[in-house]
Amino acid sequence: MLREPEARDRATFVELLASPEVHTYLGGPRPRDELEREMPEVPERWPGSFVVELDGAMIGQILLRRAAGHRRPAAAGKVDLGYLFLPRAWGFGYATEACAAALDWFDGALPGEPVVLTTQSANVGSMRLAAKLGFTEVERFQAWDAEQWLGLRPPAT
C-alpha cells in the first residue's frame, strides 16, 4: 500500500537513512545520532512522497520529485523517481509493484510528463527495476567516484 508519511514511520525513516546496506550505492549512510536529532516527528509530506506499507508496517519510501538543479541536461526539469527499501523487503518484488503504482499515480496527476531515474550502473537490482518499469538508457556518466546510469521513461499515452 502507498500512503503519506505519518509520525509512526519516523523510526523506519531513521533506519532507512542510517542503513549501510541501503546506502551502498548512495554515498553511504548518515549517522544515526544525527538523524535522530534532525528527523521531524512527522516526516515531510508532499505530493509524490509515499511510504510503502506491508502488513501495517513501513518497508520503504518512494519519491517522485522535480529534478531541480540536476547536473545532467537530459534530466533537467524532469521528475525523478527515487526509492529506498529496507533490506528485509528486498527480493520479493515490492519495489517493482510499489514503483509501478507510484508511476501510475504520477501519470494521472501529470499526464504527458516523462520521468527520469539515476542509479549506479553497479547496482544490478536497480538496473533490473529500471528496465521492468520501462526506463531506457539516456546516458552514463561519472559522479561520486562511480559510473552512473540515467534512464528515461517516456510520458504515458
N, C-alpha and C. Protein backbone atom coordinates (compact mmCIF):
# COMPACT_ATOMS: atom_id res chain seq x y z
N MET A 1 0.85 -1.17 0.00
CA MET A 1 0.00 0.00 0.00
C MET A 1 0.90 1.24 0.00
N LEU A 2 0.52 2.24 -0.76
CA LEU A 2 1.19 3.53 -0.75
C LEU A 2 0.35 4.50 0.05
N ARG A 3 1.01 5.29 0.89
CA ARG A 3 0.30 6.28 1.70
C ARG A 3 1.25 7.42 2.06
N GLU A 4 0.69 8.46 2.68
CA GLU A 4 1.50 9.59 3.15
C GLU A 4 2.31 9.18 4.38
N PRO A 5 3.46 9.80 4.59
CA PRO A 5 4.22 9.54 5.82
C PRO A 5 3.42 9.98 7.06
N GLU A 6 3.62 9.23 8.15
CA GLU A 6 2.96 9.52 9.42
C GLU A 6 4.01 9.48 10.54
N ALA A 7 3.63 9.99 11.70
CA ALA A 7 4.54 10.02 12.85
C ALA A 7 5.07 8.62 13.17
N ARG A 8 4.26 7.60 13.03
CA ARG A 8 4.68 6.23 13.36
C ARG A 8 5.80 5.71 12.45
N ASP A 9 6.07 6.42 11.35
CA ASP A 9 7.11 5.99 10.40
C ASP A 9 8.49 6.54 10.73
N ARG A 10 8.58 7.43 11.70
CA ARG A 10 9.84 8.12 11.98
C ARG A 10 11.00 7.15 12.21
N ALA A 11 10.82 6.15 13.02
CA ALA A 11 11.90 5.21 13.32
C ALA A 11 12.34 4.46 12.07
N THR A 12 11.42 4.13 11.20
CA THR A 12 11.78 3.43 9.97
C THR A 12 12.52 4.35 9.01
N PHE A 13 12.13 5.63 8.95
CA PHE A 13 12.89 6.58 8.14
C PHE A 13 14.34 6.66 8.64
N VAL A 14 14.52 6.73 9.95
CA VAL A 14 15.86 6.77 10.52
C VAL A 14 16.62 5.50 10.13
N GLU A 15 15.96 4.36 10.26
CA GLU A 15 16.59 3.08 9.91
C GLU A 15 17.01 3.06 8.43
N LEU A 16 16.13 3.52 7.54
CA LEU A 16 16.44 3.56 6.10
C LEU A 16 17.66 4.44 5.81
N LEU A 17 17.66 5.62 6.39
CA LEU A 17 18.71 6.60 6.09
C LEU A 17 20.04 6.27 6.76
N ALA A 18 20.01 5.46 7.82
CA ALA A 18 21.23 5.09 8.54
C ALA A 18 21.78 3.72 8.11
N SER A 19 21.07 3.03 7.23
CA SER A 19 21.45 1.67 6.85
C SER A 19 22.61 1.64 5.85
N PRO A 20 23.72 0.99 6.22
CA PRO A 20 24.83 0.84 5.27
C PRO A 20 24.42 0.04 4.02
N GLU A 21 23.58 -0.99 4.20
CA GLU A 21 23.15 -1.80 3.05
C GLU A 21 22.32 -0.97 2.07
N VAL A 22 21.37 -0.19 2.59
CA VAL A 22 20.50 0.63 1.75
C VAL A 22 21.33 1.67 0.99
N HIS A 23 22.37 2.18 1.63
CA HIS A 23 23.14 3.28 1.03
C HIS A 23 24.46 2.83 0.38
N THR A 24 24.57 1.54 0.06
CA THR A 24 25.76 1.04 -0.61
C THR A 24 26.07 1.84 -1.87
N TYR A 25 25.05 2.16 -2.66
CA TYR A 25 25.23 2.87 -3.93
C TYR A 25 24.79 4.33 -3.85
N LEU A 26 24.59 4.83 -2.66
CA LEU A 26 24.08 6.19 -2.48
C LEU A 26 25.03 7.07 -1.68
N GLY A 27 26.29 6.74 -1.65
CA GLY A 27 27.25 7.58 -0.97
C GLY A 27 27.42 7.30 0.51
N GLY A 28 26.81 6.24 0.99
CA GLY A 28 26.96 5.87 2.40
C GLY A 28 25.84 6.39 3.28
N PRO A 29 25.66 5.75 4.43
CA PRO A 29 24.58 6.12 5.34
C PRO A 29 24.89 7.42 6.09
N ARG A 30 23.84 8.01 6.62
CA ARG A 30 24.00 9.16 7.52
C ARG A 30 24.12 8.64 8.95
N PRO A 31 24.81 9.36 9.80
CA PRO A 31 24.94 8.92 11.20
C PRO A 31 23.57 8.89 11.90
N ARG A 32 23.32 7.79 12.59
CA ARG A 32 22.03 7.61 13.26
C ARG A 32 21.75 8.71 14.27
N ASP A 33 22.75 9.11 15.07
CA ASP A 33 22.50 10.14 16.08
C ASP A 33 22.12 11.47 15.43
N GLU A 34 22.72 11.78 14.29
CA GLU A 34 22.36 13.00 13.54
C GLU A 34 20.91 12.92 13.05
N LEU A 35 20.54 11.77 12.52
CA LEU A 35 19.17 11.58 12.04
C LEU A 35 18.17 11.68 13.18
N GLU A 36 18.49 11.10 14.32
CA GLU A 36 17.59 11.16 15.48
C GLU A 36 17.35 12.61 15.91
N ARG A 37 18.39 13.44 15.84
CA ARG A 37 18.25 14.85 16.20
C ARG A 37 17.47 15.64 15.15
N GLU A 38 17.69 15.36 13.88
CA GLU A 38 17.15 16.20 12.80
C GLU A 38 15.81 15.76 12.23
N MET A 39 15.48 14.49 12.35
CA MET A 39 14.24 13.98 11.75
C MET A 39 13.03 14.55 12.48
N PRO A 40 12.12 15.20 11.75
CA PRO A 40 10.91 15.72 12.41
C PRO A 40 10.03 14.57 12.92
N GLU A 41 9.19 14.88 13.88
CA GLU A 41 8.29 13.86 14.43
C GLU A 41 7.41 13.26 13.34
N VAL A 42 6.92 14.11 12.45
CA VAL A 42 6.15 13.64 11.30
C VAL A 42 6.98 13.96 10.06
N PRO A 43 7.50 12.92 9.39
CA PRO A 43 8.29 13.18 8.19
C PRO A 43 7.52 14.03 7.18
N GLU A 44 8.28 14.80 6.40
CA GLU A 44 7.67 15.73 5.44
C GLU A 44 6.70 15.03 4.51
N ARG A 45 5.65 15.75 4.18
CA ARG A 45 4.65 15.27 3.23
C ARG A 45 4.59 16.22 2.06
N TRP A 46 4.53 15.70 0.88
CA TRP A 46 4.28 16.49 -0.31
C TRP A 46 3.80 15.54 -1.40
N PRO A 47 3.09 16.06 -2.40
CA PRO A 47 2.64 15.19 -3.48
C PRO A 47 3.83 14.48 -4.12
N GLY A 48 3.72 13.19 -4.26
CA GLY A 48 4.80 12.40 -4.84
C GLY A 48 5.72 11.75 -3.81
N SER A 49 5.44 11.96 -2.52
CA SER A 49 6.21 11.31 -1.45
C SER A 49 5.32 10.24 -0.83
N PHE A 50 5.76 9.00 -0.94
CA PHE A 50 4.95 7.88 -0.48
C PHE A 50 5.71 6.99 0.48
N VAL A 51 5.02 6.50 1.49
CA VAL A 51 5.51 5.41 2.32
C VAL A 51 4.96 4.14 1.69
N VAL A 52 5.80 3.11 1.62
CA VAL A 52 5.35 1.80 1.16
C VAL A 52 5.10 0.97 2.41
N GLU A 53 3.87 0.52 2.54
CA GLU A 53 3.47 -0.23 3.74
C GLU A 53 3.11 -1.66 3.36
N LEU A 54 3.54 -2.60 4.20
CA LEU A 54 3.21 -4.00 4.05
C LEU A 54 2.77 -4.52 5.41
N ASP A 55 1.61 -5.11 5.47
CA ASP A 55 1.08 -5.67 6.72
C ASP A 55 1.13 -4.68 7.87
N GLY A 56 0.80 -3.42 7.59
CA GLY A 56 0.71 -2.39 8.62
C GLY A 56 2.02 -1.73 9.00
N ALA A 57 3.12 -2.10 8.37
CA ALA A 57 4.42 -1.52 8.73
C ALA A 57 5.11 -0.95 7.49
N MET A 58 5.84 0.14 7.69
CA MET A 58 6.59 0.75 6.61
C MET A 58 7.77 -0.14 6.22
N ILE A 59 7.91 -0.38 4.90
CA ILE A 59 9.07 -1.15 4.41
C ILE A 59 9.91 -0.34 3.44
N GLY A 60 9.41 0.84 3.04
CA GLY A 60 10.18 1.64 2.09
C GLY A 60 9.55 2.98 1.83
N GLN A 61 10.21 3.70 0.93
CA GLN A 61 9.78 5.05 0.56
C GLN A 61 9.97 5.22 -0.94
N ILE A 62 9.04 5.93 -1.56
CA ILE A 62 9.14 6.30 -2.97
C ILE A 62 8.98 7.80 -3.06
N LEU A 63 9.85 8.41 -3.87
CA LEU A 63 9.79 9.85 -4.11
C LEU A 63 9.70 10.11 -5.60
N LEU A 64 8.77 10.94 -5.97
CA LEU A 64 8.68 11.48 -7.32
C LEU A 64 8.78 12.99 -7.16
N ARG A 65 9.90 13.57 -7.60
CA ARG A 65 10.10 15.00 -7.41
C ARG A 65 10.82 15.59 -8.61
N ARG A 66 10.55 16.85 -8.84
CA ARG A 66 11.17 17.57 -9.95
C ARG A 66 12.68 17.62 -9.72
N ALA A 67 13.43 17.25 -10.73
CA ALA A 67 14.90 17.18 -10.63
C ALA A 67 15.49 18.59 -10.79
N ALA A 68 15.22 19.43 -9.84
CA ALA A 68 15.72 20.82 -9.88
C ALA A 68 17.23 20.81 -9.71
N GLY A 69 17.90 21.56 -10.55
CA GLY A 69 19.35 21.68 -10.44
C GLY A 69 20.10 20.43 -10.83
N HIS A 70 19.48 19.52 -11.54
CA HIS A 70 20.13 18.28 -11.95
C HIS A 70 21.30 18.61 -12.87
N ARG A 71 22.42 17.98 -12.66
CA ARG A 71 23.63 18.25 -13.44
C ARG A 71 23.56 17.74 -14.87
N ARG A 72 22.70 16.80 -15.14
CA ARG A 72 22.62 16.21 -16.47
C ARG A 72 21.54 16.91 -17.28
N PRO A 73 21.88 17.48 -18.43
CA PRO A 73 20.88 18.19 -19.25
C PRO A 73 19.66 17.32 -19.59
N ALA A 74 19.86 16.03 -19.80
CA ALA A 74 18.74 15.15 -20.15
C ALA A 74 17.72 15.03 -19.03
N ALA A 75 18.13 15.33 -17.79
CA ALA A 75 17.22 15.21 -16.65
C ALA A 75 16.68 16.54 -16.17
N ALA A 76 17.25 17.62 -16.63
CA ALA A 76 16.87 18.96 -16.14
C ALA A 76 15.37 19.21 -16.29
N GLY A 77 14.75 19.59 -15.18
CA GLY A 77 13.34 19.93 -15.18
C GLY A 77 12.39 18.76 -15.18
N LYS A 78 12.90 17.56 -15.32
CA LYS A 78 12.02 16.38 -15.35
C LYS A 78 11.80 15.85 -13.93
N VAL A 79 10.79 15.04 -13.78
CA VAL A 79 10.51 14.42 -12.49
C VAL A 79 11.41 13.19 -12.35
N ASP A 80 12.00 13.05 -11.16
CA ASP A 80 12.95 11.99 -10.86
C ASP A 80 12.30 10.99 -9.92
N LEU A 81 12.44 9.70 -10.22
CA LEU A 81 11.95 8.63 -9.36
C LEU A 81 13.07 8.16 -8.44
N GLY A 82 12.81 8.18 -7.15
CA GLY A 82 13.76 7.66 -6.16
C GLY A 82 13.03 6.69 -5.23
N TYR A 83 13.77 5.76 -4.67
CA TYR A 83 13.15 4.77 -3.79
C TYR A 83 14.19 4.21 -2.84
N LEU A 84 13.74 3.86 -1.66
CA LEU A 84 14.55 3.18 -0.65
C LEU A 84 13.69 2.10 -0.01
N PHE A 85 14.25 0.91 0.15
CA PHE A 85 13.53 -0.17 0.81
C PHE A 85 14.44 -0.82 1.85
N LEU A 86 13.85 -1.23 2.95
CA LEU A 86 14.61 -1.95 3.98
C LEU A 86 15.15 -3.25 3.39
N PRO A 87 16.36 -3.66 3.76
CA PRO A 87 16.93 -4.89 3.21
C PRO A 87 16.03 -6.11 3.40
N ARG A 88 15.30 -6.18 4.48
CA ARG A 88 14.43 -7.35 4.70
C ARG A 88 13.27 -7.41 3.69
N ALA A 89 13.04 -6.32 2.94
CA ALA A 89 11.98 -6.30 1.93
C ALA A 89 12.52 -6.53 0.51
N TRP A 90 13.82 -6.71 0.38
CA TRP A 90 14.43 -6.90 -0.94
C TRP A 90 14.14 -8.30 -1.47
N GLY A 91 13.99 -8.39 -2.78
CA GLY A 91 13.88 -9.68 -3.46
C GLY A 91 12.48 -10.26 -3.54
N PHE A 92 11.47 -9.51 -3.14
CA PHE A 92 10.10 -10.02 -3.17
C PHE A 92 9.22 -9.34 -4.22
N GLY A 93 9.80 -8.39 -4.96
CA GLY A 93 9.02 -7.67 -5.97
C GLY A 93 8.26 -6.47 -5.45
N TYR A 94 8.45 -6.13 -4.17
CA TYR A 94 7.72 -5.00 -3.60
C TYR A 94 8.11 -3.69 -4.27
N ALA A 95 9.39 -3.50 -4.57
CA ALA A 95 9.83 -2.26 -5.21
C ALA A 95 9.19 -2.11 -6.59
N THR A 96 9.16 -3.18 -7.34
CA THR A 96 8.54 -3.13 -8.67
C THR A 96 7.07 -2.76 -8.56
N GLU A 97 6.35 -3.44 -7.68
CA GLU A 97 4.92 -3.19 -7.52
C GLU A 97 4.65 -1.77 -7.02
N ALA A 98 5.40 -1.34 -6.02
CA ALA A 98 5.17 -0.02 -5.42
C ALA A 98 5.57 1.10 -6.38
N CYS A 99 6.71 0.96 -7.06
CA CYS A 99 7.13 2.00 -8.01
C CYS A 99 6.16 2.08 -9.19
N ALA A 100 5.68 0.94 -9.66
CA ALA A 100 4.70 0.94 -10.76
C ALA A 100 3.42 1.65 -10.32
N ALA A 101 2.98 1.43 -9.09
CA ALA A 101 1.77 2.10 -8.58
C ALA A 101 2.00 3.60 -8.46
N ALA A 102 3.18 3.99 -7.98
CA ALA A 102 3.50 5.43 -7.86
C ALA A 102 3.56 6.08 -9.24
N LEU A 103 4.12 5.38 -10.21
CA LEU A 103 4.18 5.92 -11.58
C LEU A 103 2.78 6.01 -12.19
N ASP A 104 1.91 5.07 -11.88
CA ASP A 104 0.50 5.16 -12.34
C ASP A 104 -0.16 6.40 -11.74
N TRP A 105 0.07 6.64 -10.44
CA TRP A 105 -0.46 7.85 -9.81
C TRP A 105 0.07 9.09 -10.53
N PHE A 106 1.38 9.09 -10.78
CA PHE A 106 2.01 10.23 -11.44
C PHE A 106 1.40 10.48 -12.83
N ASP A 107 1.20 9.41 -13.59
CA ASP A 107 0.62 9.55 -14.93
C ASP A 107 -0.76 10.18 -14.88
N GLY A 108 -1.52 9.91 -13.83
CA GLY A 108 -2.83 10.53 -13.66
C GLY A 108 -2.74 11.97 -13.20
N ALA A 109 -1.75 12.25 -12.34
CA ALA A 109 -1.60 13.61 -11.80
C ALA A 109 -0.97 14.56 -12.80
N LEU A 110 0.00 14.09 -13.56
CA LEU A 110 0.72 14.93 -14.52
C LEU A 110 0.85 14.19 -15.86
N PRO A 111 -0.26 14.02 -16.56
CA PRO A 111 -0.20 13.27 -17.82
C PRO A 111 0.74 13.96 -18.82
N GLY A 112 1.44 13.15 -19.58
CA GLY A 112 2.33 13.68 -20.60
C GLY A 112 3.72 14.04 -20.12
N GLU A 113 4.02 13.80 -18.84
CA GLU A 113 5.34 14.14 -18.28
C GLU A 113 6.24 12.90 -18.28
N PRO A 114 7.48 13.04 -18.77
CA PRO A 114 8.43 11.93 -18.66
C PRO A 114 9.00 11.86 -17.24
N VAL A 115 9.62 10.75 -16.91
CA VAL A 115 10.25 10.55 -15.60
C VAL A 115 11.67 10.05 -15.84
N VAL A 116 12.61 10.51 -15.02
CA VAL A 116 13.98 10.02 -15.09
C VAL A 116 14.33 9.25 -13.83
N LEU A 117 15.34 8.43 -13.94
CA LEU A 117 15.85 7.63 -12.82
C LEU A 117 17.35 7.56 -12.98
N THR A 118 18.08 7.82 -11.90
CA THR A 118 19.54 7.71 -11.92
C THR A 118 19.95 6.69 -10.87
N THR A 119 20.87 5.81 -11.25
CA THR A 119 21.41 4.83 -10.32
C THR A 119 22.83 4.51 -10.73
N GLN A 120 23.59 3.96 -9.82
CA GLN A 120 24.92 3.49 -10.20
C GLN A 120 24.75 2.27 -11.10
N SER A 121 25.54 2.21 -12.16
CA SER A 121 25.43 1.06 -13.07
C SER A 121 25.81 -0.24 -12.35
N ALA A 122 26.58 -0.17 -11.27
CA ALA A 122 26.93 -1.36 -10.50
C ALA A 122 25.77 -1.89 -9.66
N ASN A 123 24.72 -1.10 -9.49
CA ASN A 123 23.57 -1.50 -8.69
C ASN A 123 22.64 -2.36 -9.57
N VAL A 124 22.95 -3.64 -9.63
CA VAL A 124 22.26 -4.56 -10.52
C VAL A 124 20.75 -4.59 -10.24
N GLY A 125 20.36 -4.58 -8.98
CA GLY A 125 18.94 -4.61 -8.64
C GLY A 125 18.20 -3.40 -9.17
N SER A 126 18.77 -2.22 -9.01
CA SER A 126 18.13 -1.00 -9.51
C SER A 126 18.12 -0.96 -11.03
N MET A 127 19.15 -1.48 -11.64
CA MET A 127 19.17 -1.54 -13.11
C MET A 127 18.05 -2.45 -13.63
N ARG A 128 17.85 -3.58 -12.97
CA ARG A 128 16.75 -4.50 -13.34
C ARG A 128 15.39 -3.84 -13.14
N LEU A 129 15.25 -3.16 -12.00
CA LEU A 129 13.99 -2.48 -11.70
C LEU A 129 13.69 -1.41 -12.75
N ALA A 130 14.70 -0.62 -13.11
CA ALA A 130 14.52 0.42 -14.12
C ALA A 130 14.00 -0.18 -15.43
N ALA A 131 14.57 -1.30 -15.85
CA ALA A 131 14.14 -1.94 -17.09
C ALA A 131 12.69 -2.43 -16.97
N LYS A 132 12.34 -3.04 -15.83
CA LYS A 132 10.96 -3.53 -15.63
C LYS A 132 9.95 -2.39 -15.68
N LEU A 133 10.36 -1.21 -15.21
CA LEU A 133 9.46 -0.06 -15.16
C LEU A 133 9.40 0.72 -16.47
N GLY A 134 10.18 0.30 -17.47
CA GLY A 134 10.13 0.94 -18.78
C GLY A 134 11.12 2.07 -19.00
N PHE A 135 12.14 2.18 -18.15
CA PHE A 135 13.17 3.19 -18.33
C PHE A 135 14.20 2.69 -19.34
N THR A 136 14.64 3.56 -20.23
CA THR A 136 15.68 3.21 -21.17
C THR A 136 16.86 4.17 -20.99
N GLU A 137 18.04 3.66 -21.26
CA GLU A 137 19.25 4.44 -21.03
C GLU A 137 19.31 5.68 -21.91
N VAL A 138 19.64 6.79 -21.26
CA VAL A 138 19.88 8.05 -21.95
C VAL A 138 21.39 8.30 -22.00
N GLU A 139 22.04 8.06 -20.86
CA GLU A 139 23.49 8.24 -20.81
C GLU A 139 24.08 7.59 -19.57
N ARG A 140 25.38 7.41 -19.62
CA ARG A 140 26.17 7.00 -18.46
C ARG A 140 27.18 8.11 -18.23
N PHE A 141 27.49 8.34 -16.96
CA PHE A 141 28.42 9.41 -16.63
C PHE A 141 29.11 9.08 -15.30
N GLN A 142 30.21 9.73 -15.05
CA GLN A 142 30.96 9.54 -13.82
C GLN A 142 30.54 10.59 -12.79
N ALA A 143 30.24 10.15 -11.59
CA ALA A 143 29.93 11.05 -10.48
C ALA A 143 30.11 10.26 -9.20
N TRP A 144 30.53 10.94 -8.16
CA TRP A 144 30.71 10.31 -6.85
C TRP A 144 31.61 9.07 -6.94
N ASP A 145 32.65 9.16 -7.77
CA ASP A 145 33.64 8.10 -7.93
C ASP A 145 33.06 6.79 -8.45
N ALA A 146 31.99 6.87 -9.24
CA ALA A 146 31.39 5.67 -9.80
C ALA A 146 30.63 6.01 -11.08
N GLU A 147 30.46 4.98 -11.92
CA GLU A 147 29.66 5.17 -13.13
C GLU A 147 28.18 5.22 -12.76
N GLN A 148 27.50 6.25 -13.25
CA GLN A 148 26.08 6.44 -13.02
C GLN A 148 25.31 6.15 -14.30
N TRP A 149 24.09 5.70 -14.15
CA TRP A 149 23.22 5.39 -15.28
C TRP A 149 22.00 6.30 -15.19
N LEU A 150 21.67 6.97 -16.27
CA LEU A 150 20.48 7.83 -16.32
C LEU A 150 19.52 7.24 -17.32
N GLY A 151 18.31 6.93 -16.85
CA GLY A 151 17.28 6.37 -17.70
C GLY A 151 16.09 7.29 -17.80
N LEU A 152 15.33 7.15 -18.86
CA LEU A 152 14.14 7.96 -19.11
C LEU A 152 12.95 7.04 -19.36
N ARG A 153 11.84 7.37 -18.75
CA ARG A 153 10.56 6.69 -19.01
C ARG A 153 9.71 7.70 -19.74
N PRO A 154 9.37 7.41 -20.99
CA PRO A 154 8.60 8.38 -21.75
C PRO A 154 7.23 8.62 -21.14
N PRO A 155 6.60 9.72 -21.49
CA PRO A 155 5.26 10.00 -20.95
C PRO A 155 4.29 8.88 -21.32
N ALA A 156 3.38 8.61 -20.42
CA ALA A 156 2.33 7.62 -20.69
C ALA A 156 1.40 8.17 -21.76
N THR A 157 0.91 7.29 -22.60
CA THR A 157 -0.02 7.74 -23.65
C THR A 157 -1.41 7.23 -23.39
